[in-house]
Amino acid sequence: MRSRILLGVTTLLMLAALYMVFIYVPTEAETGVIQRIFYFHVPLAWVAFLAFLVVFVASIRYLWKRDKKWDFIASSSAEVGLVFTTLVLITGSIWARPTWGAWWVWDSRLTSSLVLWLIYLAYFIVRSYIGEEERRARFAAVVGVIGFIDVPIVALAITLWRTQHPGPVIFEGGLSGEMMATLMVAITAFTVLYFLLFTERVSIKKDEDEIRRLRASIGG
């Protein structure tokens, strides 16, 4: 029931966001149509940060409680976060090509974002190569905790170092009312999408664990 509600809300919000991005909001005067990717790029980055925050908290809880439900939560959120980080890098490159004349530059924000992607890729490499369940969860939790250090670095990169990346226009009043409204709807839509994907993935992991326990009991 909860999944159906989340799916319905996600669909409505996504339709509203698409309408606002492509019809409602005016075209930005300096960069033109390509600026509309901003309304996808920023929400994707926000959701990636949110997902890795959940990984961080759940990993700490697992190391403390050794309850596998926290491992399910951490790994599920990490999966969603890695997908969204991949999309952040892709949309950023698409935006950079007409704006900077290159698909990629070794800018502080871009480089730290790539490092973030690599950290959580390593998270799943750890999970893939360690066979014993409790040991796998423990090592992954350590990576999940340490890896979160890069999230504030990515977020603050444009203020800590000189960068080609656009400044924090959201917090400096650089957006018109229509642009801010469109961005907020898009952020809300992608956040609800995150919770939909996250809850579904946790549910699947719980079912997989139940199946493994049943097979083990039958085999025993």
N, C-alpha and C. Protein backbone atom coordinates (compact mmCIF):
# COMPACT_ATOMS: atom_id res chain seq x y z
N MET A 1 0.83 -1.21 0.00
CA MET A 1 0.00 0.00 0.00
C MET A 1 0.87 1.26 0.00
N ARG A 2 1.90 1.26 0.87
CA ARG A 2 2.79 2.41 0.95
C ARG A 2 3.51 2.64 -0.37
N SER A 3 3.93 1.54 -1.02
CA SER A 3 4.64 1.66 -2.29
C SER A 3 3.73 2.25 -3.37
N ARG A 4 2.46 1.86 -3.35
CA ARG A 4 1.53 2.40 -4.34
C ARG A 4 1.30 3.89 -4.14
N ILE A 5 1.22 4.30 -2.87
CA ILE A 5 1.05 5.72 -2.58
C ILE A 5 2.28 6.49 -3.05
N LEU A 6 3.47 5.98 -2.72
CA LEU A 6 4.70 6.64 -3.15
C LEU A 6 4.81 6.70 -4.67
N LEU A 7 4.41 5.61 -5.33
CA LEU A 7 4.45 5.59 -6.79
C LEU A 7 3.51 6.64 -7.37
N GLY A 8 2.30 6.74 -6.81
CA GLY A 8 1.34 7.72 -7.29
C GLY A 8 1.83 9.15 -7.07
N VAL A 9 2.35 9.41 -5.87
CA VAL A 9 2.85 10.75 -5.58
C VAL A 9 4.05 11.08 -6.46
N THR A 10 4.95 10.11 -6.64
CA THR A 10 6.12 10.33 -7.50
C THR A 10 5.70 10.66 -8.93
N THR A 11 4.74 9.91 -9.45
CA THR A 11 4.28 10.15 -10.82
C THR A 11 3.70 11.55 -10.98
N LEU A 12 2.85 11.95 -10.05
CA LEU A 12 2.24 13.29 -10.13
C LEU A 12 3.29 14.39 -10.02
N LEU A 13 4.23 14.22 -9.09
CA LEU A 13 5.26 15.23 -8.91
C LEU A 13 6.20 15.30 -10.11
N MET A 14 6.52 14.15 -10.69
CA MET A 14 7.40 14.14 -11.86
C MET A 14 6.73 14.81 -13.05
N LEU A 15 5.43 14.55 -13.23
CA LEU A 15 4.70 15.20 -14.32
C LEU A 15 4.66 16.71 -14.11
N ALA A 16 4.43 17.13 -12.86
CA ALA A 16 4.42 18.56 -12.55
C ALA A 16 5.79 19.17 -12.79
N ALA A 17 6.85 18.46 -12.38
CA ALA A 17 8.21 18.97 -12.58
C ALA A 17 8.55 19.10 -14.06
N LEU A 18 8.19 18.10 -14.85
CA LEU A 18 8.46 18.15 -16.29
C LEU A 18 7.72 19.30 -16.95
N TYR A 19 6.48 19.51 -16.55
CA TYR A 19 5.72 20.63 -17.10
C TYR A 19 6.40 21.96 -16.76
N MET A 20 6.81 22.09 -15.51
CA MET A 20 7.43 23.35 -15.09
C MET A 20 8.79 23.57 -15.75
N VAL A 21 9.56 22.49 -15.90
CA VAL A 21 10.89 22.62 -16.51
C VAL A 21 10.81 23.00 -17.98
N PHE A 22 9.90 22.38 -18.72
CA PHE A 22 9.90 22.55 -20.18
C PHE A 22 8.86 23.55 -20.69
N ILE A 23 7.91 23.94 -19.85
CA ILE A 23 6.86 24.86 -20.32
C ILE A 23 6.74 26.10 -19.43
N TYR A 24 6.67 25.89 -18.12
CA TYR A 24 6.38 27.01 -17.21
C TYR A 24 7.55 27.97 -17.03
N VAL A 25 8.72 27.45 -16.72
CA VAL A 25 9.84 28.31 -16.36
C VAL A 25 10.43 28.99 -17.60
N PRO A 26 10.80 30.27 -17.51
CA PRO A 26 11.38 30.96 -18.67
C PRO A 26 12.79 30.46 -18.97
N THR A 27 13.20 30.61 -20.23
CA THR A 27 14.55 30.25 -20.64
C THR A 27 15.55 31.25 -20.06
N GLU A 28 16.62 30.75 -19.49
CA GLU A 28 17.65 31.61 -18.89
C GLU A 28 18.33 32.43 -19.99
N ALA A 29 18.50 33.72 -19.74
CA ALA A 29 18.94 34.66 -20.79
C ALA A 29 20.35 34.38 -21.29
N GLU A 30 21.29 34.06 -20.40
CA GLU A 30 22.69 33.95 -20.81
C GLU A 30 23.05 32.61 -21.42
N THR A 31 22.62 31.52 -20.79
CA THR A 31 23.04 30.19 -21.26
C THR A 31 22.00 29.51 -22.14
N GLY A 32 20.77 30.00 -22.15
CA GLY A 32 19.76 29.46 -23.05
C GLY A 32 19.13 28.16 -22.57
N VAL A 33 18.69 27.37 -23.54
CA VAL A 33 17.91 26.16 -23.24
C VAL A 33 18.69 25.16 -22.40
N ILE A 34 20.00 25.08 -22.61
CA ILE A 34 20.80 24.08 -21.89
C ILE A 34 20.70 24.26 -20.38
N GLN A 35 20.36 25.46 -19.93
CA GLN A 35 20.26 25.71 -18.49
C GLN A 35 19.16 24.89 -17.84
N ARG A 36 18.20 24.43 -18.64
CA ARG A 36 17.09 23.65 -18.07
C ARG A 36 17.57 22.35 -17.43
N ILE A 37 18.75 21.88 -17.82
CA ILE A 37 19.28 20.67 -17.20
C ILE A 37 19.59 20.91 -15.72
N PHE A 38 19.73 22.16 -15.33
CA PHE A 38 19.93 22.56 -13.93
C PHE A 38 18.83 21.98 -13.04
N TYR A 39 17.60 21.92 -13.54
CA TYR A 39 16.46 21.47 -12.74
C TYR A 39 16.45 19.95 -12.56
N PHE A 40 17.35 19.26 -13.25
CA PHE A 40 17.56 17.83 -13.03
C PHE A 40 18.87 17.60 -12.27
N HIS A 41 19.89 18.34 -12.66
CA HIS A 41 21.23 18.16 -12.09
C HIS A 41 21.24 18.42 -10.58
N VAL A 42 20.67 19.52 -10.16
CA VAL A 42 20.67 19.87 -8.73
C VAL A 42 19.85 18.88 -7.90
N PRO A 43 18.61 18.53 -8.29
CA PRO A 43 17.87 17.53 -7.50
C PRO A 43 18.58 16.18 -7.44
N LEU A 44 19.23 15.77 -8.53
CA LEU A 44 19.97 14.51 -8.52
C LEU A 44 21.09 14.55 -7.49
N ALA A 45 21.80 15.68 -7.45
CA ALA A 45 22.89 15.83 -6.48
C ALA A 45 22.35 15.82 -5.05
N TRP A 46 21.24 16.52 -4.84
CA TRP A 46 20.62 16.54 -3.50
C TRP A 46 20.25 15.13 -3.05
N VAL A 47 19.64 14.35 -3.94
CA VAL A 47 19.23 13.00 -3.57
C VAL A 47 20.45 12.11 -3.30
N ALA A 48 21.50 12.28 -4.09
CA ALA A 48 22.73 11.51 -3.85
C ALA A 48 23.27 11.80 -2.45
N PHE A 49 23.32 13.08 -2.07
CA PHE A 49 23.78 13.44 -0.72
C PHE A 49 22.87 12.84 0.35
N LEU A 50 21.57 12.92 0.13
CA LEU A 50 20.61 12.35 1.08
C LEU A 50 20.81 10.85 1.23
N ALA A 51 20.99 10.17 0.09
CA ALA A 51 21.18 8.71 0.11
C ALA A 51 22.43 8.33 0.90
N PHE A 52 23.51 9.08 0.71
CA PHE A 52 24.76 8.75 1.40
C PHE A 52 24.70 9.14 2.88
N LEU A 53 23.87 10.12 3.22
CA LEU A 53 23.64 10.42 4.63
C LEU A 53 22.94 9.24 5.30
N VAL A 54 21.97 8.66 4.61
CA VAL A 54 21.28 7.48 5.15
C VAL A 54 22.27 6.32 5.30
N VAL A 55 23.16 6.15 4.32
CA VAL A 55 24.18 5.11 4.41
C VAL A 55 25.05 5.34 5.64
N PHE A 56 25.47 6.58 5.84
CA PHE A 56 26.32 6.95 6.98
C PHE A 56 25.65 6.60 8.31
N VAL A 57 24.41 7.03 8.48
CA VAL A 57 23.69 6.80 9.74
C VAL A 57 23.43 5.30 9.94
N ALA A 58 22.97 4.63 8.88
CA ALA A 58 22.66 3.20 9.00
C ALA A 58 23.92 2.38 9.24
N SER A 59 25.04 2.79 8.65
CA SER A 59 26.30 2.07 8.86
C SER A 59 26.76 2.19 10.31
N ILE A 60 26.63 3.37 10.88
CA ILE A 60 26.97 3.56 12.30
C ILE A 60 26.07 2.69 13.17
N ARG A 61 24.79 2.67 12.85
CA ARG A 61 23.85 1.85 13.62
C ARG A 61 24.20 0.36 13.51
N TYR A 62 24.63 -0.06 12.31
CA TYR A 62 24.99 -1.47 12.15
C TYR A 62 26.23 -1.81 12.98
N LEU A 63 27.25 -0.96 12.93
CA LEU A 63 28.47 -1.21 13.70
C LEU A 63 28.19 -1.24 15.20
N TRP A 64 27.19 -0.49 15.60
CA TRP A 64 26.82 -0.43 17.02
C TRP A 64 25.94 -1.61 17.42
N LYS A 65 24.90 -1.89 16.63
CA LYS A 65 23.89 -2.89 17.02
C LYS A 65 24.12 -4.27 16.41
N ARG A 66 24.86 -4.31 15.30
CA ARG A 66 25.06 -5.56 14.55
C ARG A 66 23.72 -6.18 14.12
N ASP A 67 22.76 -5.34 13.83
CA ASP A 67 21.45 -5.78 13.36
C ASP A 67 21.44 -5.68 11.83
N LYS A 68 21.14 -6.79 11.17
CA LYS A 68 21.26 -6.81 9.71
C LYS A 68 20.28 -5.87 9.00
N LYS A 69 19.21 -5.44 9.68
CA LYS A 69 18.28 -4.52 9.04
C LYS A 69 18.99 -3.21 8.69
N TRP A 70 19.96 -2.82 9.51
CA TRP A 70 20.70 -1.59 9.22
C TRP A 70 21.63 -1.78 8.03
N ASP A 71 22.11 -2.99 7.86
CA ASP A 71 22.91 -3.29 6.66
C ASP A 71 22.04 -3.24 5.42
N PHE A 72 20.82 -3.75 5.52
CA PHE A 72 19.88 -3.67 4.39
C PHE A 72 19.61 -2.21 4.02
N ILE A 73 19.38 -1.39 5.05
CA ILE A 73 19.09 0.03 4.81
C ILE A 73 20.28 0.73 4.17
N ALA A 74 21.48 0.48 4.72
CA ALA A 74 22.68 1.13 4.20
C ALA A 74 22.96 0.72 2.76
N SER A 75 22.93 -0.57 2.48
CA SER A 75 23.26 -1.03 1.14
C SER A 75 22.21 -0.61 0.12
N SER A 76 20.95 -0.60 0.53
CA SER A 76 19.88 -0.17 -0.38
C SER A 76 20.03 1.31 -0.73
N SER A 77 20.29 2.12 0.28
CA SER A 77 20.46 3.56 0.03
C SER A 77 21.72 3.83 -0.79
N ALA A 78 22.77 3.04 -0.55
CA ALA A 78 24.00 3.20 -1.32
C ALA A 78 23.77 2.89 -2.81
N GLU A 79 22.95 1.90 -3.09
CA GLU A 79 22.64 1.56 -4.48
C GLU A 79 21.97 2.74 -5.17
N VAL A 80 20.96 3.29 -4.53
CA VAL A 80 20.24 4.42 -5.10
C VAL A 80 21.18 5.62 -5.23
N GLY A 81 21.97 5.86 -4.19
CA GLY A 81 22.90 6.98 -4.22
C GLY A 81 23.92 6.88 -5.33
N LEU A 82 24.42 5.67 -5.58
CA LEU A 82 25.40 5.49 -6.65
C LEU A 82 24.78 5.76 -8.01
N VAL A 83 23.55 5.31 -8.20
CA VAL A 83 22.85 5.58 -9.46
C VAL A 83 22.66 7.08 -9.67
N PHE A 84 22.23 7.77 -8.62
CA PHE A 84 21.99 9.21 -8.74
C PHE A 84 23.29 9.98 -8.92
N THR A 85 24.38 9.53 -8.29
CA THR A 85 25.67 10.17 -8.49
C THR A 85 26.14 9.99 -9.93
N THR A 86 25.91 8.82 -10.48
CA THR A 86 26.24 8.58 -11.89
C THR A 86 25.48 9.56 -12.78
N LEU A 87 24.21 9.76 -12.49
CA LEU A 87 23.39 10.70 -13.27
C LEU A 87 23.85 12.14 -13.06
N VAL A 88 24.34 12.46 -11.86
CA VAL A 88 24.89 13.79 -11.61
C VAL A 88 26.09 14.04 -12.53
N LEU A 89 26.98 13.07 -12.61
CA LEU A 89 28.17 13.21 -13.46
C LEU A 89 27.79 13.31 -14.93
N ILE A 90 26.79 12.55 -15.35
CA ILE A 90 26.36 12.58 -16.75
C ILE A 90 25.71 13.91 -17.10
N THR A 91 24.76 14.35 -16.26
CA THR A 91 24.09 15.63 -16.55
C THR A 91 25.05 16.80 -16.44
N GLY A 92 26.01 16.70 -15.51
CA GLY A 92 27.02 17.75 -15.39
C GLY A 92 27.88 17.85 -16.65
N SER A 93 28.23 16.71 -17.20
CA SER A 93 29.04 16.70 -18.43
C SER A 93 28.26 17.26 -19.61
N ILE A 94 26.97 16.91 -19.69
CA ILE A 94 26.13 17.43 -20.77
C ILE A 94 26.01 18.95 -20.67
N TRP A 95 25.88 19.44 -19.46
CA TRP A 95 25.78 20.87 -19.22
C TRP A 95 27.11 21.58 -19.50
N ALA A 96 28.21 20.90 -19.16
CA ALA A 96 29.54 21.51 -19.32
C ALA A 96 29.94 21.69 -20.79
N ARG A 97 29.52 20.76 -21.64
CA ARG A 97 30.00 20.79 -23.04
C ARG A 97 29.69 22.11 -23.73
N PRO A 98 28.45 22.59 -23.78
CA PRO A 98 28.19 23.88 -24.43
C PRO A 98 28.60 25.09 -23.59
N THR A 99 28.71 24.90 -22.27
CA THR A 99 29.02 26.02 -21.39
C THR A 99 30.52 26.29 -21.30
N TRP A 100 31.31 25.21 -21.12
CA TRP A 100 32.75 25.35 -20.96
C TRP A 100 33.53 24.93 -22.20
N GLY A 101 32.83 24.30 -23.16
CA GLY A 101 33.51 23.82 -24.36
C GLY A 101 34.20 22.49 -24.18
N ALA A 102 33.94 21.80 -23.07
CA ALA A 102 34.55 20.49 -22.80
C ALA A 102 33.58 19.65 -21.99
N TRP A 103 33.63 18.34 -22.21
CA TRP A 103 32.76 17.44 -21.46
C TRP A 103 33.18 17.35 -19.99
N TRP A 104 34.48 17.52 -19.73
CA TRP A 104 34.99 17.35 -18.38
C TRP A 104 36.18 18.27 -18.16
N VAL A 105 36.25 18.87 -16.98
CA VAL A 105 37.44 19.61 -16.55
C VAL A 105 37.75 19.16 -15.12
N TRP A 106 39.03 19.19 -14.77
CA TRP A 106 39.42 18.74 -13.44
C TRP A 106 39.22 19.86 -12.42
N ASP A 107 37.97 20.24 -12.32
CA ASP A 107 37.51 21.27 -11.40
C ASP A 107 37.32 20.65 -10.01
N SER A 108 37.44 21.45 -8.95
CA SER A 108 37.33 20.89 -7.60
C SER A 108 35.98 20.22 -7.35
N ARG A 109 34.88 20.82 -7.82
CA ARG A 109 33.56 20.21 -7.61
C ARG A 109 33.43 18.93 -8.42
N LEU A 110 33.87 18.95 -9.66
CA LEU A 110 33.75 17.76 -10.50
C LEU A 110 34.65 16.64 -10.00
N THR A 111 35.88 16.99 -9.65
CA THR A 111 36.82 15.98 -9.19
C THR A 111 36.36 15.33 -7.89
N SER A 112 35.90 16.13 -6.93
CA SER A 112 35.42 15.57 -5.66
C SER A 112 34.16 14.73 -5.87
N SER A 113 33.34 15.10 -6.86
CA SER A 113 32.15 14.30 -7.18
C SER A 113 32.55 12.95 -7.76
N LEU A 114 33.57 12.95 -8.62
CA LEU A 114 34.06 11.69 -9.18
C LEU A 114 34.64 10.81 -8.08
N VAL A 115 35.36 11.42 -7.14
CA VAL A 115 35.91 10.67 -6.00
C VAL A 115 34.77 10.05 -5.19
N LEU A 116 33.69 10.81 -5.00
CA LEU A 116 32.53 10.29 -4.26
C LEU A 116 31.96 9.07 -4.97
N TRP A 117 31.84 9.15 -6.28
CA TRP A 117 31.34 8.02 -7.07
C TRP A 117 32.25 6.80 -6.90
N LEU A 118 33.56 7.02 -6.93
CA LEU A 118 34.52 5.93 -6.80
C LEU A 118 34.48 5.30 -5.40
N ILE A 119 34.25 6.13 -4.39
CA ILE A 119 34.16 5.62 -3.02
C ILE A 119 33.02 4.63 -2.88
N TYR A 120 31.86 5.00 -3.41
CA TYR A 120 30.70 4.12 -3.25
C TYR A 120 30.71 2.97 -4.26
N LEU A 121 31.48 3.13 -5.33
CA LEU A 121 31.74 1.97 -6.18
C LEU A 121 32.58 0.97 -5.39
N ALA A 122 33.58 1.48 -4.66
CA ALA A 122 34.41 0.62 -3.81
C ALA A 122 33.56 -0.06 -2.73
N TYR A 123 32.55 0.64 -2.25
CA TYR A 123 31.63 0.08 -1.26
C TYR A 123 31.03 -1.24 -1.77
N PHE A 124 30.63 -1.24 -3.03
CA PHE A 124 30.01 -2.45 -3.60
C PHE A 124 31.05 -3.48 -4.01
N ILE A 125 32.25 -3.03 -4.33
CA ILE A 125 33.33 -3.99 -4.59
C ILE A 125 33.63 -4.77 -3.31
N VAL A 126 33.68 -4.07 -2.19
CA VAL A 126 33.88 -4.72 -0.89
C VAL A 126 32.78 -5.74 -0.63
N ARG A 127 31.54 -5.35 -0.90
CA ARG A 127 30.41 -6.25 -0.67
C ARG A 127 30.47 -7.46 -1.60
N SER A 128 31.02 -7.29 -2.79
CA SER A 128 31.07 -8.38 -3.76
C SER A 128 32.16 -9.40 -3.45
N TYR A 129 33.27 -8.95 -2.87
CA TYR A 129 34.43 -9.81 -2.72
C TYR A 129 34.53 -10.46 -1.35
N ILE A 130 33.71 -10.07 -0.41
CA ILE A 130 33.72 -10.70 0.92
C ILE A 130 32.51 -11.61 1.02
N GLY A 131 32.76 -12.89 1.19
CA GLY A 131 31.68 -13.86 1.15
C GLY A 131 30.89 -13.97 2.45
N GLU A 132 31.59 -13.92 3.57
CA GLU A 132 30.93 -14.12 4.87
C GLU A 132 30.05 -12.92 5.20
N GLU A 133 28.79 -13.18 5.50
CA GLU A 133 27.78 -12.13 5.59
C GLU A 133 28.10 -11.06 6.63
N GLU A 134 28.42 -11.48 7.85
CA GLU A 134 28.65 -10.50 8.92
C GLU A 134 29.91 -9.68 8.65
N ARG A 135 30.94 -10.33 8.16
CA ARG A 135 32.20 -9.63 7.85
C ARG A 135 32.00 -8.67 6.69
N ARG A 136 31.24 -9.08 5.69
CA ARG A 136 30.94 -8.21 4.55
C ARG A 136 30.20 -6.95 4.99
N ALA A 137 29.20 -7.13 5.82
CA ALA A 137 28.42 -5.99 6.31
C ALA A 137 29.28 -5.06 7.15
N ARG A 138 30.17 -5.63 7.95
CA ARG A 138 31.01 -4.81 8.83
C ARG A 138 32.00 -3.95 8.02
N PHE A 139 32.67 -4.58 7.05
CA PHE A 139 33.63 -3.84 6.23
C PHE A 139 32.91 -2.78 5.39
N ALA A 140 31.75 -3.13 4.85
CA ALA A 140 30.99 -2.17 4.05
C ALA A 140 30.55 -0.99 4.90
N ALA A 141 30.17 -1.26 6.14
CA ALA A 141 29.74 -0.19 7.04
C ALA A 141 30.88 0.78 7.31
N VAL A 142 32.09 0.26 7.45
CA VAL A 142 33.26 1.13 7.66
C VAL A 142 33.46 2.04 6.46
N VAL A 143 33.35 1.47 5.26
CA VAL A 143 33.48 2.28 4.05
C VAL A 143 32.35 3.31 3.98
N GLY A 144 31.15 2.90 4.37
CA GLY A 144 30.01 3.80 4.34
C GLY A 144 30.17 4.99 5.27
N VAL A 145 30.81 4.76 6.41
CA VAL A 145 31.04 5.85 7.38
C VAL A 145 32.15 6.77 6.89
N ILE A 146 33.29 6.18 6.52
CA ILE A 146 34.43 6.98 6.09
C ILE A 146 34.12 7.72 4.78
N GLY A 147 33.43 7.03 3.88
CA GLY A 147 33.14 7.62 2.58
C GLY A 147 32.30 8.88 2.64
N PHE A 148 31.48 9.00 3.68
CA PHE A 148 30.61 10.17 3.80
C PHE A 148 31.41 11.45 3.99
N ILE A 149 32.66 11.35 4.41
CA ILE A 149 33.50 12.54 4.58
C ILE A 149 33.56 13.36 3.30
N ASP A 150 33.48 12.68 2.15
CA ASP A 150 33.59 13.40 0.88
C ASP A 150 32.34 14.18 0.53
N VAL A 151 31.20 13.87 1.14
CA VAL A 151 29.95 14.57 0.81
C VAL A 151 30.04 16.06 1.13
N PRO A 152 30.41 16.46 2.37
CA PRO A 152 30.55 17.91 2.61
C PRO A 152 31.65 18.55 1.78
N ILE A 153 32.67 17.78 1.41
CA ILE A 153 33.72 18.33 0.55
C ILE A 153 33.14 18.69 -0.82
N VAL A 154 32.33 17.80 -1.37
CA VAL A 154 31.67 18.08 -2.65
C VAL A 154 30.75 19.29 -2.50
N ALA A 155 29.97 19.31 -1.44
CA ALA A 155 28.99 20.39 -1.25
C ALA A 155 29.67 21.74 -1.10
N LEU A 156 30.82 21.78 -0.43
CA LEU A 156 31.49 23.05 -0.14
C LEU A 156 32.61 23.39 -1.11
N ALA A 157 32.84 22.54 -2.10
CA ALA A 157 33.97 22.74 -3.00
C ALA A 157 33.95 24.10 -3.69
N ILE A 158 32.76 24.56 -4.07
CA ILE A 158 32.67 25.83 -4.80
C ILE A 158 32.94 27.04 -3.92
N THR A 159 32.89 26.85 -2.61
CA THR A 159 33.21 27.96 -1.71
C THR A 159 34.62 27.84 -1.12
N LEU A 160 35.16 26.62 -1.08
CA LEU A 160 36.49 26.40 -0.51
C LEU A 160 37.60 26.68 -1.50
N TRP A 161 37.35 26.43 -2.80
CA TRP A 161 38.39 26.59 -3.81
C TRP A 161 37.87 27.40 -5.00
N ARG A 162 38.81 27.92 -5.77
CA ARG A 162 38.43 28.55 -7.03
C ARG A 162 37.95 27.47 -7.98
N THR A 163 36.87 27.73 -8.67
CA THR A 163 36.24 26.70 -9.49
C THR A 163 35.51 27.31 -10.67
N GLN A 164 35.41 26.52 -11.74
CA GLN A 164 34.63 26.95 -12.89
C GLN A 164 33.14 26.69 -12.68
N HIS A 165 32.85 25.85 -11.72
CA HIS A 165 31.45 25.49 -11.46
C HIS A 165 30.67 26.73 -11.02
N PRO A 166 29.40 26.85 -11.43
CA PRO A 166 28.58 27.99 -10.98
C PRO A 166 28.53 28.07 -9.46
N GLY A 167 28.46 29.28 -8.94
CA GLY A 167 28.41 29.51 -7.50
C GLY A 167 27.07 29.10 -6.91
N PRO A 168 26.92 29.27 -5.60
CA PRO A 168 25.68 28.87 -4.91
C PRO A 168 24.54 29.86 -5.17
N VAL A 169 24.05 29.87 -6.42
CA VAL A 169 23.03 30.85 -6.80
C VAL A 169 21.72 30.66 -6.04
N ILE A 170 21.46 29.44 -5.59
CA ILE A 170 20.20 29.16 -4.88
C ILE A 170 20.13 29.97 -3.59
N PHE A 171 21.26 30.08 -2.91
CA PHE A 171 21.29 30.75 -1.61
C PHE A 171 21.68 32.22 -1.72
N GLU A 172 21.97 32.68 -2.91
CA GLU A 172 22.39 34.07 -3.09
C GLU A 172 21.35 34.90 -3.85
N GLY A 173 20.15 34.36 -3.97
CA GLY A 173 19.08 35.10 -4.64
C GLY A 173 19.27 35.22 -6.14
N GLY A 174 19.99 34.26 -6.74
CA GLY A 174 20.26 34.33 -8.17
C GLY A 174 19.17 33.73 -9.04
N LEU A 175 18.10 33.24 -8.44
CA LEU A 175 17.02 32.63 -9.20
C LEU A 175 15.76 33.47 -9.09
N SER A 176 15.04 33.56 -10.21
CA SER A 176 13.74 34.25 -10.18
C SER A 176 12.73 33.37 -9.45
N GLY A 177 11.56 33.94 -9.19
CA GLY A 177 10.51 33.19 -8.50
C GLY A 177 10.10 31.93 -9.24
N GLU A 178 9.97 32.04 -10.58
CA GLU A 178 9.58 30.87 -11.38
C GLU A 178 10.65 29.78 -11.34
N MET A 179 11.91 30.21 -11.41
CA MET A 179 13.01 29.25 -11.37
C MET A 179 13.09 28.54 -10.04
N MET A 180 12.95 29.30 -8.95
CA MET A 180 13.00 28.70 -7.62
C MET A 180 11.84 27.74 -7.41
N ALA A 181 10.64 28.11 -7.85
CA ALA A 181 9.47 27.23 -7.70
C ALA A 181 9.68 25.93 -8.48
N THR A 182 10.21 26.05 -9.69
CA THR A 182 10.46 24.86 -10.52
C THR A 182 11.50 23.97 -9.87
N LEU A 183 12.56 24.57 -9.35
CA LEU A 183 13.60 23.78 -8.69
C LEU A 183 13.05 23.06 -7.47
N MET A 184 12.22 23.73 -6.66
CA MET A 184 11.68 23.11 -5.46
C MET A 184 10.77 21.93 -5.79
N VAL A 185 9.96 22.09 -6.84
CA VAL A 185 9.09 20.98 -7.25
C VAL A 185 9.94 19.80 -7.74
N ALA A 186 11.00 20.10 -8.51
CA ALA A 186 11.87 19.04 -9.01
C ALA A 186 12.59 18.33 -7.87
N ILE A 187 13.08 19.09 -6.90
CA ILE A 187 13.75 18.49 -5.75
C ILE A 187 12.78 17.59 -4.98
N THR A 188 11.56 18.06 -4.78
CA THR A 188 10.55 17.26 -4.08
C THR A 188 10.25 15.97 -4.84
N ALA A 189 10.11 16.09 -6.17
CA ALA A 189 9.81 14.92 -7.00
C ALA A 189 10.91 13.88 -6.91
N PHE A 190 12.15 14.31 -7.01
CA PHE A 190 13.27 13.37 -6.97
C PHE A 190 13.47 12.80 -5.57
N THR A 191 13.14 13.58 -4.54
CA THR A 191 13.25 13.07 -3.18
C THR A 191 12.24 11.96 -2.93
N VAL A 192 11.01 12.16 -3.39
CA VAL A 192 9.99 11.11 -3.24
C VAL A 192 10.37 9.89 -4.07
N LEU A 193 10.95 10.11 -5.25
CA LEU A 193 11.43 8.99 -6.07
C LEU A 193 12.50 8.21 -5.31
N TYR A 194 13.38 8.91 -4.64
CA TYR A 194 14.40 8.23 -3.83
C TYR A 194 13.75 7.32 -2.80
N PHE A 195 12.78 7.83 -2.06
CA PHE A 195 12.15 7.03 -1.02
C PHE A 195 11.40 5.83 -1.61
N LEU A 196 10.83 6.01 -2.81
CA LEU A 196 10.18 4.89 -3.49
C LEU A 196 11.19 3.80 -3.82
N LEU A 197 12.29 4.17 -4.47
CA LEU A 197 13.31 3.20 -4.85
C LEU A 197 13.96 2.57 -3.63
N PHE A 198 14.21 3.38 -2.63
CA PHE A 198 14.85 2.91 -1.41
C PHE A 198 13.99 1.88 -0.68
N THR A 199 12.72 2.19 -0.47
CA THR A 199 11.84 1.27 0.26
C THR A 199 11.64 -0.03 -0.51
N GLU A 200 11.55 0.07 -1.84
CA GLU A 200 11.40 -1.14 -2.64
C GLU A 200 12.64 -2.02 -2.54
N ARG A 201 13.81 -1.38 -2.54
CA ARG A 201 15.07 -2.15 -2.48
C ARG A 201 15.24 -2.80 -1.11
N VAL A 202 14.87 -2.10 -0.05
CA VAL A 202 14.95 -2.69 1.28
C VAL A 202 14.02 -3.89 1.38
N SER A 203 12.82 -3.75 0.83
CA SER A 203 11.85 -4.85 0.85
C SER A 203 12.38 -6.07 0.10
N ILE A 204 13.01 -5.83 -1.03
CA ILE A 204 13.58 -6.94 -1.82
C ILE A 204 14.68 -7.63 -1.03
N LYS A 205 15.54 -6.85 -0.38
CA LYS A 205 16.63 -7.44 0.39
C LYS A 205 16.10 -8.29 1.55
N LYS A 206 15.05 -7.82 2.19
CA LYS A 206 14.45 -8.59 3.28
C LYS A 206 13.88 -9.90 2.75
N ASP A 207 13.22 -9.85 1.59
CA ASP A 207 12.67 -11.07 0.99
C ASP A 207 13.78 -12.03 0.61
N GLU A 208 14.87 -11.50 0.05
CA GLU A 208 16.01 -12.35 -0.32
C GLU A 208 16.61 -13.02 0.91
N ASP A 209 16.70 -12.28 2.01
CA ASP A 209 17.25 -12.84 3.24
C ASP A 209 16.34 -13.93 3.79
N GLU A 210 15.04 -13.71 3.71
CA GLU A 210 14.08 -14.72 4.18
C GLU A 210 14.18 -15.99 3.35
N ILE A 211 14.35 -15.84 2.04
CA ILE A 211 14.50 -17.00 1.15
C ILE A 211 15.77 -17.78 1.49
N ARG A 212 16.87 -17.05 1.74
CA ARG A 212 18.13 -17.71 2.10
C ARG A 212 17.98 -18.49 3.41
N ARG A 213 17.28 -17.92 4.38
CA ARG A 213 17.10 -18.60 5.66
C ARG A 213 16.22 -19.85 5.51
N LEU A 214 15.22 -19.74 4.65
CA LEU A 214 14.35 -20.90 4.40
C LEU A 214 15.13 -22.02 3.72
N ARG A 215 15.95 -21.65 2.73
CA ARG A 215 16.76 -22.65 2.04
C ARG A 215 17.74 -23.32 2.99
N ALA A 216 18.33 -22.48 3.89
CA ALA A 216 19.29 -23.03 4.86
C ALA A 216 18.61 -24.00 5.82
N SER A 217 17.39 -23.66 6.24
CA SER A 217 16.67 -24.54 7.19
C SER A 217 16.24 -25.83 6.51
N ILE A 218 15.85 -25.74 5.26
CA ILE A 218 15.47 -26.94 4.51
C ILE A 218 16.68 -27.83 4.26
N GLY A 219 17.78 -27.15 3.88
CA GLY A 219 19.01 -27.91 3.61
C GLY A 219 19.57 -28.55 4.86
N GLY A 220 19.32 -27.85 6.04
CA GLY A 220 19.82 -28.40 7.31
C GLY A 220 19.01 -29.60 7.74
